[in-house]
Amino acid sequence: MQEVTEKNIQELLAQPKIVVLDFWAEWCGPCKQLGPIFEKVAGTLTSKAIFGKVNVDNEEQLAQKYEVRGIPCVIVLSKGEEVDRIVGALSEADFRKKLEALLARP
């Protein structure tokens, strides 16, 4: 799991894999709920996607660029383009199901 910043995001987006970004903040209760779920699911899907975390307090410009209005917000990018987003905390089963369905798309 890597921290994504304005400095390294282009390098991530240049990869051929789908990129999954978790926009979060230290003070956000639902982020604390989703964080461990995101990391656990990411650990099982690293062969299919690149996973990263974006701290919105440290990376305000990235949050603005992707129009993040509420957190936690997970944005799925393919070839640099947003294909879906998940706003709010989900259960592990629901999060895994939604993410696996997105990663199964051609």
Protein backbone atom coordinates (compact mmCIF):
# COMPACT_ATOMS: atom_id res chain seq x y z
CA MET A 1 0.00 0.00 0.00
CA GLN A 2 1.51 3.27 -0.95
CA GLU A 3 0.79 6.84 -0.04
CA VAL A 4 -0.29 8.74 -3.14
CA THR A 5 0.75 12.34 -3.58
CA GLU A 6 0.68 14.99 -6.25
CA LYS A 7 4.32 14.03 -6.93
CA ASN A 8 3.80 10.31 -7.58
CA ILE A 9 0.27 10.01 -8.99
CA GLN A 10 1.32 10.30 -12.64
CA GLU A 11 3.75 7.42 -12.20
CA LEU A 12 0.88 5.29 -10.80
CA LEU A 13 -1.51 6.24 -13.58
CA ALA A 14 1.10 5.30 -16.18
CA GLN A 15 0.92 1.66 -15.04
CA PRO A 16 -1.16 -0.74 -17.16
CA LYS A 17 -3.17 -1.90 -14.13
CA ILE A 18 -6.32 -0.34 -12.72
CA VAL A 19 -5.57 2.13 -9.91
CA VAL A 20 -7.74 2.18 -6.78
CA LEU A 21 -7.37 5.24 -4.54
CA ASP A 22 -8.72 5.61 -1.01
CA PHE A 23 -9.23 9.31 -0.14
CA TRP A 24 -9.29 9.60 3.65
CA ALA A 25 -8.36 11.74 6.70
CA GLU A 26 -7.09 11.00 10.22
CA TRP A 27 -10.08 12.69 11.88
CA CYS A 28 -12.73 10.85 9.82
CA GLY A 29 -14.58 8.12 11.74
CA PRO A 30 -15.93 6.27 8.69
CA CYS A 31 -12.40 6.41 7.18
CA LYS A 32 -11.08 4.60 10.24
CA GLN A 33 -13.77 1.96 9.67
CA LEU A 34 -13.02 1.52 5.96
CA GLY A 35 -9.21 1.80 6.20
CA PRO A 36 -8.50 -1.72 7.51
CA ILE A 37 -11.07 -3.18 5.10
CA PHE A 38 -9.46 -1.37 2.16
CA GLU A 39 -6.01 -2.64 3.16
CA LYS A 40 -7.20 -6.23 3.68
CA VAL A 41 -9.04 -6.37 0.34
CA ALA A 42 -6.15 -4.64 -1.42
CA GLY A 43 -3.78 -7.28 -0.08
CA THR A 44 -5.75 -9.99 -1.86
CA LEU A 45 -6.17 -8.12 -5.16
CA THR A 46 -2.69 -6.70 -5.81
CA SER A 47 -2.31 -8.85 -8.91
CA LYS A 48 -5.29 -7.09 -10.49
CA ALA A 49 -4.83 -3.46 -9.41
CA ILE A 50 -2.57 -0.90 -7.77
CA PHE A 51 -3.89 0.38 -4.45
CA GLY A 52 -3.01 3.67 -2.83
CA LYS A 53 -4.16 5.99 -0.08
CA VAL A 54 -4.57 9.76 -0.41
CA ASN A 55 -4.67 11.81 2.79
CA VAL A 56 -6.99 14.69 1.83
CA ASP A 57 -5.51 16.98 4.48
CA ASN A 58 -2.03 16.62 2.96
CA GLU A 59 -3.13 16.40 -0.68
CA GLU A 60 -5.89 18.98 -1.05
CA GLN A 61 -5.13 19.54 -4.73
CA LEU A 62 -5.60 15.84 -5.55
CA ALA A 63 -8.89 15.82 -3.65
CA GLN A 64 -10.02 18.87 -5.63
CA LYS A 65 -8.83 17.41 -8.94
CA TYR A 66 -10.94 14.28 -8.38
CA GLU A 67 -13.85 16.30 -6.95
CA VAL A 68 -13.86 14.45 -3.64
CA ARG A 69 -16.71 16.01 -1.66
CA GLY A 70 -17.10 13.39 1.07
CA ILE A 71 -14.80 10.84 2.64
CA PRO A 72 -14.05 8.03 2.71
CA CYS A 73 -14.09 8.01 -1.07
CA VAL A 74 -12.58 5.20 -3.11
CA ILE A 75 -12.00 6.09 -6.76
CA VAL A 76 -11.27 3.43 -9.37
CA LEU A 77 -9.24 4.61 -12.38
CA SER A 78 -8.50 2.83 -15.63
CA LYS A 79 -5.99 4.41 -18.00
CA GLY A 80 -6.22 7.57 -15.92
CA GLU A 81 -9.99 7.87 -16.29
CA GLU A 82 -12.45 7.39 -13.44
CA VAL A 83 -14.61 4.30 -13.95
CA ASP A 84 -16.37 4.29 -10.58
CA ARG A 85 -16.32 5.63 -7.05
CA ILE A 86 -17.48 4.34 -3.70
CA VAL A 87 -18.40 7.01 -1.14
CA GLY A 88 -18.81 6.08 2.51
CA ALA A 89 -17.88 3.04 4.52
CA LEU A 90 -19.05 -0.41 3.44
CA SER A 91 -18.81 -3.81 5.07
CA GLU A 92 -15.85 -5.93 3.98
CA ALA A 93 -18.12 -8.28 2.03
CA ASP A 94 -19.87 -5.45 0.18
CA PHE A 95 -16.63 -3.60 -0.53
CA ARG A 96 -14.92 -6.76 -1.83
CA LYS A 97 -17.93 -7.67 -4.01
CA LYS A 98 -18.13 -4.19 -5.57
CA LEU A 99 -14.38 -3.96 -6.15
CA GLU A 100 -14.10 -7.47 -7.62
CA ALA A 101 -16.96 -6.68 -10.02
CA LEU A 102 -15.17 -3.50 -11.14
CA LEU A 103 -11.86 -5.33 -11.61
CA ALA A 104 -13.55 -8.06 -13.64
CA ARG A 105 -14.64 -5.59 -16.32
CA PRO A 106 -12.73 -5.81 -19.60
